[in-house]
């Protein structure tokens, strides 16, 4: 994971800045451990979007299960 993108997202989450969260998420790789969908879930929770968080965390779980099976 890119350490700059990771910190960018961390600070955006701390500030609860939805615009910056979106920009930081876009700079993260789609695949990896944890997958981008995990961070999308964190951002959704920070925005009080329970439905979006649930969807993103479910996608992250599926992606991680796939990685672990390979």
N, C-alpha and C. Protein backbone atom coordinates (compact mmCIF):
# COMPACT_ATOMS: atom_id res chain seq x y z
N UNK A 1 0.83 -1.17 0.00
CA UNK A 1 0.00 0.00 0.00
C UNK A 1 0.89 1.24 0.00
N UNK A 2 0.45 2.22 -0.73
CA UNK A 2 1.17 3.49 -0.81
C UNK A 2 1.03 4.22 0.53
N UNK A 3 2.16 4.47 1.21
CA UNK A 3 2.07 5.11 2.53
C UNK A 3 1.46 6.51 2.49
N UNK A 4 1.64 7.23 1.40
CA UNK A 4 1.06 8.57 1.30
C UNK A 4 -0.46 8.47 1.19
N UNK A 5 -0.94 7.57 0.35
CA UNK A 5 -2.39 7.39 0.20
C UNK A 5 -3.00 6.90 1.51
N UNK A 6 -2.30 6.03 2.20
CA UNK A 6 -2.77 5.51 3.47
C UNK A 6 -2.94 6.63 4.49
N UNK A 7 -1.94 7.49 4.60
CA UNK A 7 -2.02 8.63 5.53
C UNK A 7 -3.08 9.64 5.10
N UNK A 8 -3.18 9.85 3.80
CA UNK A 8 -4.17 10.78 3.26
C UNK A 8 -5.57 10.32 3.69
N UNK A 9 -5.84 9.03 3.53
CA UNK A 9 -7.14 8.50 3.92
C UNK A 9 -7.33 8.62 5.43
N UNK A 10 -6.30 8.29 6.19
CA UNK A 10 -6.38 8.38 7.65
C UNK A 10 -6.77 9.79 8.10
N UNK A 11 -6.11 10.79 7.55
CA UNK A 11 -6.41 12.17 7.95
C UNK A 11 -7.80 12.59 7.47
N UNK A 12 -8.21 12.15 6.29
CA UNK A 12 -9.55 12.46 5.80
C UNK A 12 -10.61 11.83 6.71
N UNK A 13 -10.34 10.60 7.16
CA UNK A 13 -11.27 9.95 8.08
C UNK A 13 -11.34 10.70 9.41
N UNK A 14 -10.20 11.11 9.92
CA UNK A 14 -10.17 11.85 11.19
C UNK A 14 -10.94 13.17 11.08
N UNK A 15 -10.82 13.80 9.94
CA UNK A 15 -11.50 15.08 9.72
C UNK A 15 -12.95 14.90 9.28
N UNK A 16 -13.32 13.65 8.94
CA UNK A 16 -14.66 13.32 8.41
C UNK A 16 -14.97 14.18 7.18
N UNK A 17 -13.97 14.32 6.34
CA UNK A 17 -14.07 15.10 5.12
C UNK A 17 -14.39 14.15 3.97
N UNK A 18 -15.66 14.09 3.59
CA UNK A 18 -16.11 13.14 2.57
C UNK A 18 -15.42 13.34 1.23
N UNK A 19 -15.18 14.59 0.85
CA UNK A 19 -14.52 14.87 -0.43
C UNK A 19 -13.11 14.31 -0.44
N UNK A 20 -12.37 14.56 0.63
CA UNK A 20 -11.00 14.06 0.71
C UNK A 20 -10.97 12.54 0.84
N UNK A 21 -11.95 11.96 1.52
CA UNK A 21 -12.03 10.50 1.61
C UNK A 21 -12.14 9.91 0.21
N UNK A 22 -12.99 10.50 -0.60
CA UNK A 22 -13.17 10.01 -1.96
C UNK A 22 -11.90 10.11 -2.78
N UNK A 23 -11.21 11.21 -2.66
CA UNK A 23 -9.96 11.39 -3.40
C UNK A 23 -8.89 10.40 -2.92
N UNK A 24 -8.80 10.23 -1.61
CA UNK A 24 -7.81 9.30 -1.07
C UNK A 24 -8.14 7.86 -1.48
N UNK A 25 -9.42 7.49 -1.43
CA UNK A 25 -9.82 6.14 -1.84
C UNK A 25 -9.47 5.88 -3.30
N UNK A 26 -9.65 6.88 -4.13
CA UNK A 26 -9.35 6.72 -5.56
C UNK A 26 -7.86 6.46 -5.80
N UNK A 27 -7.02 6.90 -4.88
CA UNK A 27 -5.58 6.72 -5.06
C UNK A 27 -5.09 5.36 -4.53
N UNK A 28 -5.94 4.63 -3.83
CA UNK A 28 -5.56 3.32 -3.31
C UNK A 28 -5.69 2.26 -4.41
N UNK A 29 -4.84 1.24 -4.36
CA UNK A 29 -4.98 0.16 -5.35
C UNK A 29 -6.27 -0.63 -5.11
N UNK A 30 -6.86 -1.17 -6.18
CA UNK A 30 -8.09 -1.94 -6.05
C UNK A 30 -7.87 -3.21 -5.24
N UNK A 31 -6.74 -3.86 -5.49
CA UNK A 31 -6.47 -5.12 -4.83
C UNK A 31 -5.34 -4.96 -3.84
N UNK A 32 -5.30 -5.84 -2.88
CA UNK A 32 -4.26 -5.81 -1.88
C UNK A 32 -4.84 -6.28 -0.56
N UNK A 33 -4.03 -6.23 0.44
CA UNK A 33 -4.50 -6.64 1.77
C UNK A 33 -4.29 -5.46 2.70
N UNK A 34 -5.32 -4.90 3.24
CA UNK A 34 -6.72 -5.16 2.95
C UNK A 34 -7.13 -4.55 1.61
N UNK A 35 -8.19 -5.06 1.00
CA UNK A 35 -8.63 -4.52 -0.29
C UNK A 35 -9.24 -3.12 -0.12
N UNK A 36 -9.33 -2.39 -1.21
CA UNK A 36 -9.88 -1.03 -1.17
C UNK A 36 -11.29 -1.02 -0.59
N UNK A 37 -12.06 -2.07 -0.85
CA UNK A 37 -13.43 -2.10 -0.36
C UNK A 37 -13.49 -2.01 1.17
N UNK A 38 -12.47 -2.51 1.86
CA UNK A 38 -12.42 -2.38 3.31
C UNK A 38 -12.35 -0.89 3.70
N UNK A 39 -11.49 -0.16 3.02
CA UNK A 39 -11.36 1.27 3.30
C UNK A 39 -12.60 2.04 2.89
N UNK A 40 -13.28 1.57 1.83
CA UNK A 40 -14.55 2.18 1.44
C UNK A 40 -15.57 1.99 2.55
N UNK A 41 -15.52 0.84 3.21
CA UNK A 41 -16.41 0.61 4.35
C UNK A 41 -16.12 1.55 5.50
N UNK A 42 -14.83 1.78 5.78
CA UNK A 42 -14.47 2.73 6.84
C UNK A 42 -14.97 4.13 6.51
N UNK A 43 -14.82 4.52 5.25
CA UNK A 43 -15.27 5.86 4.84
C UNK A 43 -16.78 5.96 4.95
N UNK A 44 -17.49 4.90 4.57
CA UNK A 44 -18.96 4.92 4.66
C UNK A 44 -19.40 5.04 6.13
N UNK A 45 -18.72 4.33 7.01
CA UNK A 45 -19.06 4.44 8.44
C UNK A 45 -18.79 5.85 8.95
N UNK A 46 -17.72 6.47 8.49
CA UNK A 46 -17.40 7.83 8.92
C UNK A 46 -18.47 8.82 8.44
N UNK A 47 -19.12 8.49 7.32
CA UNK A 47 -20.20 9.33 6.79
C UNK A 47 -21.57 8.93 7.35
N UNK A 48 -21.58 7.99 8.30
CA UNK A 48 -22.83 7.46 8.88
C UNK A 48 -23.71 6.80 7.83
N UNK A 49 -23.09 6.12 6.88
CA UNK A 49 -23.80 5.40 5.83
C UNK A 49 -23.72 3.90 6.16
N UNK A 50 -24.64 3.43 6.99
CA UNK A 50 -24.60 2.04 7.45
C UNK A 50 -24.78 1.06 6.30
N UNK A 51 -25.67 1.37 5.38
CA UNK A 51 -25.91 0.48 4.25
C UNK A 51 -24.67 0.37 3.36
N UNK A 52 -24.07 1.51 3.04
CA UNK A 52 -22.85 1.51 2.23
C UNK A 52 -21.71 0.80 2.91
N UNK A 53 -21.60 0.98 4.23
CA UNK A 53 -20.55 0.31 4.99
C UNK A 53 -20.74 -1.19 4.95
N UNK A 54 -21.97 -1.64 5.15
CA UNK A 54 -22.24 -3.07 5.11
C UNK A 54 -21.92 -3.68 3.77
N UNK A 55 -22.28 -2.99 2.71
CA UNK A 55 -21.99 -3.47 1.36
C UNK A 55 -20.49 -3.55 1.12
N UNK A 56 -19.78 -2.51 1.52
CA UNK A 56 -18.32 -2.47 1.29
C UNK A 56 -17.61 -3.53 2.13
N UNK A 57 -18.00 -3.69 3.39
CA UNK A 57 -17.35 -4.69 4.24
C UNK A 57 -17.65 -6.11 3.76
N UNK A 58 -18.84 -6.33 3.24
CA UNK A 58 -19.17 -7.65 2.68
C UNK A 58 -18.29 -7.93 1.46
N UNK A 59 -18.12 -6.92 0.61
CA UNK A 59 -17.25 -7.09 -0.56
C UNK A 59 -15.81 -7.36 -0.13
N UNK A 60 -15.36 -6.67 0.91
CA UNK A 60 -13.99 -6.88 1.41
C UNK A 60 -13.83 -8.30 1.94
N UNK A 61 -14.83 -8.79 2.66
CA UNK A 61 -14.76 -10.15 3.18
C UNK A 61 -14.67 -11.17 2.05
N UNK A 62 -15.47 -10.98 1.01
CA UNK A 62 -15.45 -11.89 -0.13
C UNK A 62 -14.09 -11.85 -0.82
N UNK A 63 -13.54 -10.65 -1.00
CA UNK A 63 -12.23 -10.53 -1.64
C UNK A 63 -11.13 -11.19 -0.81
N UNK A 64 -11.18 -11.01 0.50
CA UNK A 64 -10.17 -11.62 1.37
C UNK A 64 -10.31 -13.14 1.39
N UNK A 65 -11.52 -13.64 1.39
CA UNK A 65 -11.72 -15.10 1.32
C UNK A 65 -11.12 -15.66 0.03
N UNK A 66 -11.34 -14.95 -1.06
CA UNK A 66 -10.79 -15.38 -2.35
C UNK A 66 -9.26 -15.42 -2.31
N UNK A 67 -8.65 -14.39 -1.74
CA UNK A 67 -7.19 -14.32 -1.64
C UNK A 67 -6.66 -15.46 -0.78
N UNK A 68 -7.34 -15.74 0.32
CA UNK A 68 -6.87 -16.79 1.23
C UNK A 68 -7.02 -18.19 0.62
N UNK A 69 -7.98 -18.37 -0.26
CA UNK A 69 -8.15 -19.66 -0.92
C UNK A 69 -7.10 -19.92 -1.99
N UNK A 70 -6.53 -18.87 -2.54
CA UNK A 70 -5.55 -19.03 -3.64
C UNK A 70 -4.23 -19.50 -3.16
